[in-house]
Amino acid sequence: MIEAEAKTDTEKVLNRLRRIEGQVRGLQRMISEDKRCEDVLTQLVATRAALDRVGVFLISNRMKECLRQSTEELGLDDLAVDEAFEVFMKYIQHVK
């Protein structure tokens, strides 16, 4: 099951990166068409935020993987990992 999750996660990351690639192409087009600076900057901020979300996704998945390994080694419950991770994710959403 973990391998299936990893494949799904890989597909999610690749899809997100493809969307970001489209956003970057949009930025290039906006600049070549001499669009308003404010519009370009708005799109730039959105693109950067999308990259940041990919980073958080990758880091959070790696953290979850490490925590699960630790809980297996220590014989702890996965529920504790899920709860701790949920708190972390709520916190990280508010950090800018």
Protein backbone atom coordinates (compact mmCIF):
# COMPACT_ATOMS: atom_id res chain seq x y z
CA MET A 1 0.00 0.00 0.00
CA ILE A 2 2.85 2.39 0.75
CA GLU A 3 4.22 1.89 -2.79
CA ALA A 4 0.81 2.78 -4.23
CA GLU A 5 0.74 5.92 -2.07
CA ALA A 6 4.25 6.83 -3.23
CA LYS A 7 3.23 6.48 -6.87
CA THR A 8 0.14 8.60 -6.27
CA ASP A 9 2.27 11.19 -4.46
CA THR A 10 4.74 11.24 -7.35
CA GLU A 11 1.91 11.77 -9.80
CA LYS A 12 0.51 14.58 -7.65
CA VAL A 13 3.88 16.34 -7.52
CA LEU A 14 4.43 15.96 -11.26
CA ASN A 15 0.94 17.31 -12.00
CA ARG A 16 1.55 20.28 -9.74
CA LEU A 17 4.88 20.96 -11.40
CA ARG A 18 3.25 20.79 -14.83
CA ARG A 19 0.71 23.40 -13.74
CA ILE A 20 3.53 25.56 -12.43
CA GLU A 21 5.31 25.15 -15.74
CA GLY A 22 2.16 26.52 -17.40
CA GLN A 23 2.14 29.43 -14.98
CA VAL A 24 5.77 30.22 -15.85
CA ARG A 25 4.95 30.12 -19.56
CA GLY A 26 2.08 32.48 -18.80
CA LEU A 27 4.52 34.82 -17.06
CA GLN A 28 6.81 34.76 -20.07
CA ARG A 29 3.89 35.55 -22.36
CA MET A 30 2.71 38.38 -20.09
CA ILE A 31 6.16 39.96 -20.12
CA SER A 32 6.58 39.58 -23.88
CA GLU A 33 3.13 41.15 -24.38
CA ASP A 34 4.13 44.00 -22.06
CA LYS A 35 1.30 43.39 -19.58
CA ARG A 36 0.88 45.63 -16.56
CA CYS A 37 3.56 45.22 -13.91
CA GLU A 38 0.97 44.61 -11.20
CA ASP A 39 -0.57 41.76 -13.20
CA VAL A 40 2.81 40.15 -13.80
CA LEU A 41 3.71 40.44 -10.13
CA THR A 42 0.38 38.92 -9.10
CA GLN A 43 1.05 35.93 -11.35
CA LEU A 44 4.62 35.72 -10.06
CA VAL A 45 3.39 35.56 -6.45
CA ALA A 46 0.90 32.83 -7.39
CA THR A 47 3.64 30.82 -9.11
CA ARG A 48 5.97 31.13 -6.16
CA ALA A 49 3.21 30.09 -3.77
CA ALA A 50 2.56 27.03 -5.91
CA LEU A 51 6.25 26.09 -5.73
CA ASP A 52 6.20 26.59 -1.98
CA ARG A 53 3.21 24.23 -1.74
CA VAL A 54 5.13 21.58 -3.67
CA GLY A 55 8.02 22.01 -1.23
CA VAL A 56 5.73 21.66 1.79
CA PHE A 57 4.12 18.60 0.21
CA LEU A 58 7.51 16.95 -0.34
CA ILE A 59 8.82 17.80 3.11
CA SER A 60 5.62 16.74 4.85
CA ASN A 61 5.55 13.40 3.04
CA ARG A 62 9.15 12.74 4.00
CA MET A 63 8.43 13.68 7.61
CA LYS A 64 5.44 11.36 7.66
CA GLU A 65 7.54 8.55 6.23
CA CYS A 66 10.23 9.03 8.90
CA LEU A 67 7.66 9.23 11.69
CA ARG A 68 5.96 6.05 10.52
CA GLN A 69 9.29 4.22 10.47
CA SER A 70 10.02 5.44 13.99
CA THR A 71 6.63 4.38 15.28
CA GLU A 72 7.09 0.92 13.78
CA GLU A 73 10.51 0.60 15.40
CA LEU A 74 9.20 1.77 18.76
CA GLY A 75 5.93 -0.12 18.49
CA LEU A 76 3.84 3.06 18.72
CA ASP A 77 0.40 3.71 17.27
CA ASP A 78 0.02 5.31 13.82
CA LEU A 79 -2.80 7.44 15.25
CA ALA A 80 -0.26 9.45 17.26
CA VAL A 81 1.71 10.15 14.08
CA ASP A 82 -1.43 11.23 12.24
CA GLU A 83 -2.47 13.56 15.05
CA ALA A 84 0.98 15.14 15.35
CA PHE A 85 1.18 15.54 11.62
CA GLU A 86 -2.26 17.14 11.46
CA VAL A 87 -1.20 19.73 14.04
CA PHE A 88 1.97 20.44 12.05
CA MET A 89 0.03 20.90 8.82
CA LYS A 90 -2.43 23.32 10.46
CA TYR A 91 0.51 25.31 11.80
CA ILE A 92 2.46 25.40 8.54
CA GLN A 93 -0.55 26.73 6.64
CA HIS A 94 -0.41 29.91 8.71
CA VAL A 95 3.34 30.46 8.39
CA LYS A 96 4.37 32.84 5.65
